[in-house]
Amino acid sequence: MSAAAALMVAAEGGIIGDGRTGANLALGVGLLGLAIGWLALARADDRISTGNARTGGMAAIATGLAGTVLAVLHLVTSSGGPGTGNGLVGAIAAIPLGLSAVFLGGRALTRSRHADRPTGRMTA
């Protein structure tokens, strides 16, 4: 089974349940990506000394994209409107969380690239 097919089955309720469960999963993945992105950005700015900013940035991008894809798949496959208990509002809220994680991961990658660049000055 391909990854896209597995996500579609998960969003339709075959694995993660129906109703609000898919939206809650998308929210959780989006929040996790956001936390990873903030930590990666802090590492890139040398505010925390543990870990690698590039690895954290790539992880935030991947997690944010996964949360966004799960939210969009839940939106596409859910029936009813807001307030029906199908998790439509949660899925709508998960999209900006996932995209914010992607943005923070990209900022961390950019800042870590600038920090690794040589300045061209000679030090004695």
Protein backbone atom coordinates (compact mmCIF):
# COMPACT_ATOMS: atom_id res chain seq x y z
CA MET A 1 0.00 0.00 0.00
CA SER A 2 1.43 3.38 -0.93
CA ALA A 3 1.80 6.23 1.56
CA ALA A 4 -0.96 8.24 -0.13
CA ALA A 5 -3.34 5.29 0.02
CA ALA A 6 -2.51 4.71 3.69
CA LEU A 7 -3.20 8.36 4.50
CA MET A 8 -6.49 8.21 2.62
CA VAL A 9 -7.57 5.09 4.54
CA ALA A 10 -6.51 6.75 7.80
CA ALA A 11 -8.45 9.91 6.99
CA GLU A 12 -11.57 7.97 6.04
CA GLY A 13 -11.69 6.39 9.45
CA GLY A 14 -10.28 2.99 8.60
CA ILE A 15 -7.37 3.26 11.03
CA ILE A 16 -7.72 6.34 13.19
CA GLY A 17 -11.45 6.27 13.70
CA ASP A 18 -14.16 8.56 12.56
CA GLY A 19 -15.53 11.86 13.71
CA ARG A 20 -13.13 14.04 15.61
CA THR A 21 -10.32 11.50 15.84
CA GLY A 22 -8.82 12.36 12.45
CA ALA A 23 -8.94 16.07 13.20
CA ASN A 24 -7.40 15.52 16.62
CA LEU A 25 -4.59 13.50 15.05
CA ALA A 26 -3.95 16.29 12.54
CA LEU A 27 -3.98 18.86 15.35
CA GLY A 28 -1.54 16.79 17.40
CA VAL A 29 0.86 16.29 14.50
CA GLY A 30 0.65 20.00 13.66
CA LEU A 31 1.37 21.00 17.26
CA LEU A 32 4.28 18.57 17.40
CA GLY A 33 5.70 20.06 14.22
CA LEU A 34 5.28 23.56 15.65
CA ALA A 35 7.17 22.60 18.81
CA ILE A 36 9.96 21.00 16.78
CA GLY A 37 10.13 24.11 14.60
CA TRP A 38 10.44 26.44 17.61
CA LEU A 39 13.22 24.29 19.07
CA ALA A 40 15.05 24.15 15.74
CA LEU A 41 14.78 27.93 15.40
CA ALA A 42 16.14 28.37 18.92
CA ARG A 43 19.05 26.08 18.04
CA ALA A 44 19.76 28.06 14.88
CA ASP A 45 19.87 31.28 16.93
CA ASP A 46 22.24 29.64 19.47
CA ARG A 47 19.72 30.03 22.29
CA ILE A 48 19.96 26.30 23.07
CA SER A 49 23.16 24.39 22.66
CA THR A 50 21.81 20.86 22.25
CA GLY A 51 20.85 19.31 18.95
CA ASN A 52 21.27 20.22 15.31
CA ALA A 53 19.24 23.05 13.81
CA ARG A 54 19.29 21.57 10.30
CA THR A 55 17.94 18.21 11.47
CA GLY A 56 15.29 19.91 13.57
CA GLY A 57 14.30 22.16 10.66
CA MET A 58 13.88 19.21 8.32
CA ALA A 59 11.90 17.31 10.97
CA ALA A 60 9.62 20.33 11.51
CA ILE A 61 8.98 20.60 7.77
CA ALA A 62 8.18 16.89 7.46
CA THR A 63 5.94 16.85 10.52
CA GLY A 64 4.16 20.05 9.47
CA LEU A 65 3.51 18.67 6.00
CA ALA A 66 2.16 15.43 7.46
CA GLY A 67 -0.20 17.35 9.76
CA THR A 68 -1.38 19.55 6.90
CA VAL A 69 -1.97 16.55 4.61
CA LEU A 70 -3.90 14.72 7.33
CA ALA A 71 -6.05 17.81 7.96
CA VAL A 72 -6.81 18.32 4.27
CA LEU A 73 -7.66 14.63 3.83
CA HIS A 74 -9.99 14.80 6.83
CA LEU A 75 -11.66 17.90 5.38
CA VAL A 76 -12.17 16.21 2.03
CA THR A 77 -13.60 13.00 3.47
CA SER A 78 -15.73 14.39 6.32
CA SER A 79 -19.44 14.75 5.83
CA GLY A 80 -21.61 17.43 7.35
CA GLY A 81 -20.73 20.92 8.33
CA PRO A 82 -19.25 22.65 11.34
CA GLY A 83 -20.83 21.62 14.62
CA THR A 84 -21.90 18.16 13.48
CA GLY A 85 -19.20 16.33 15.46
CA ASN A 86 -17.19 15.28 12.43
CA GLY A 87 -14.10 17.30 13.38
CA LEU A 88 -14.41 19.78 10.53
CA VAL A 89 -13.44 22.78 12.66
CA GLY A 90 -10.49 20.90 14.16
CA ALA A 91 -9.21 19.99 10.71
CA ILE A 92 -9.55 23.62 9.60
CA ALA A 93 -7.55 24.70 12.67
CA ALA A 94 -4.87 22.06 11.99
CA ILE A 95 -3.99 23.46 8.56
CA PRO A 96 -2.41 26.73 9.81
CA LEU A 97 -0.60 24.79 12.57
CA GLY A 98 1.00 22.48 10.02
CA LEU A 99 1.88 25.33 7.69
CA SER A 100 3.38 27.29 10.61
CA ALA A 101 5.57 24.28 11.42
CA VAL A 102 6.74 24.19 7.80
CA PHE A 103 7.50 27.92 7.95
CA LEU A 104 9.46 27.65 11.21
CA GLY A 105 11.41 24.66 9.90
CA GLY A 106 12.32 26.60 6.78
CA ARG A 107 13.44 29.60 8.86
CA ALA A 108 15.60 27.31 10.99
CA LEU A 109 17.20 25.81 7.88
CA THR A 110 17.87 29.26 6.44
CA ARG A 111 19.40 30.55 9.67
CA SER A 112 21.54 27.48 10.15
CA ARG A 113 22.83 27.85 6.58
CA HIS A 114 23.78 31.47 7.26
CA ALA A 115 25.50 30.50 10.51
CA ASP A 116 27.57 27.82 8.73
CA ARG A 117 28.69 30.17 5.95
CA PRO A 118 32.29 31.42 6.25
CA THR A 119 32.62 35.16 6.74
CA GLY A 120 35.73 35.53 4.60
CA ARG A 121 37.73 37.14 7.40
CA MET A 122 41.00 35.71 8.57
CA THR A 123 41.31 35.02 12.27
CA ALA A 124 44.59 34.76 14.02
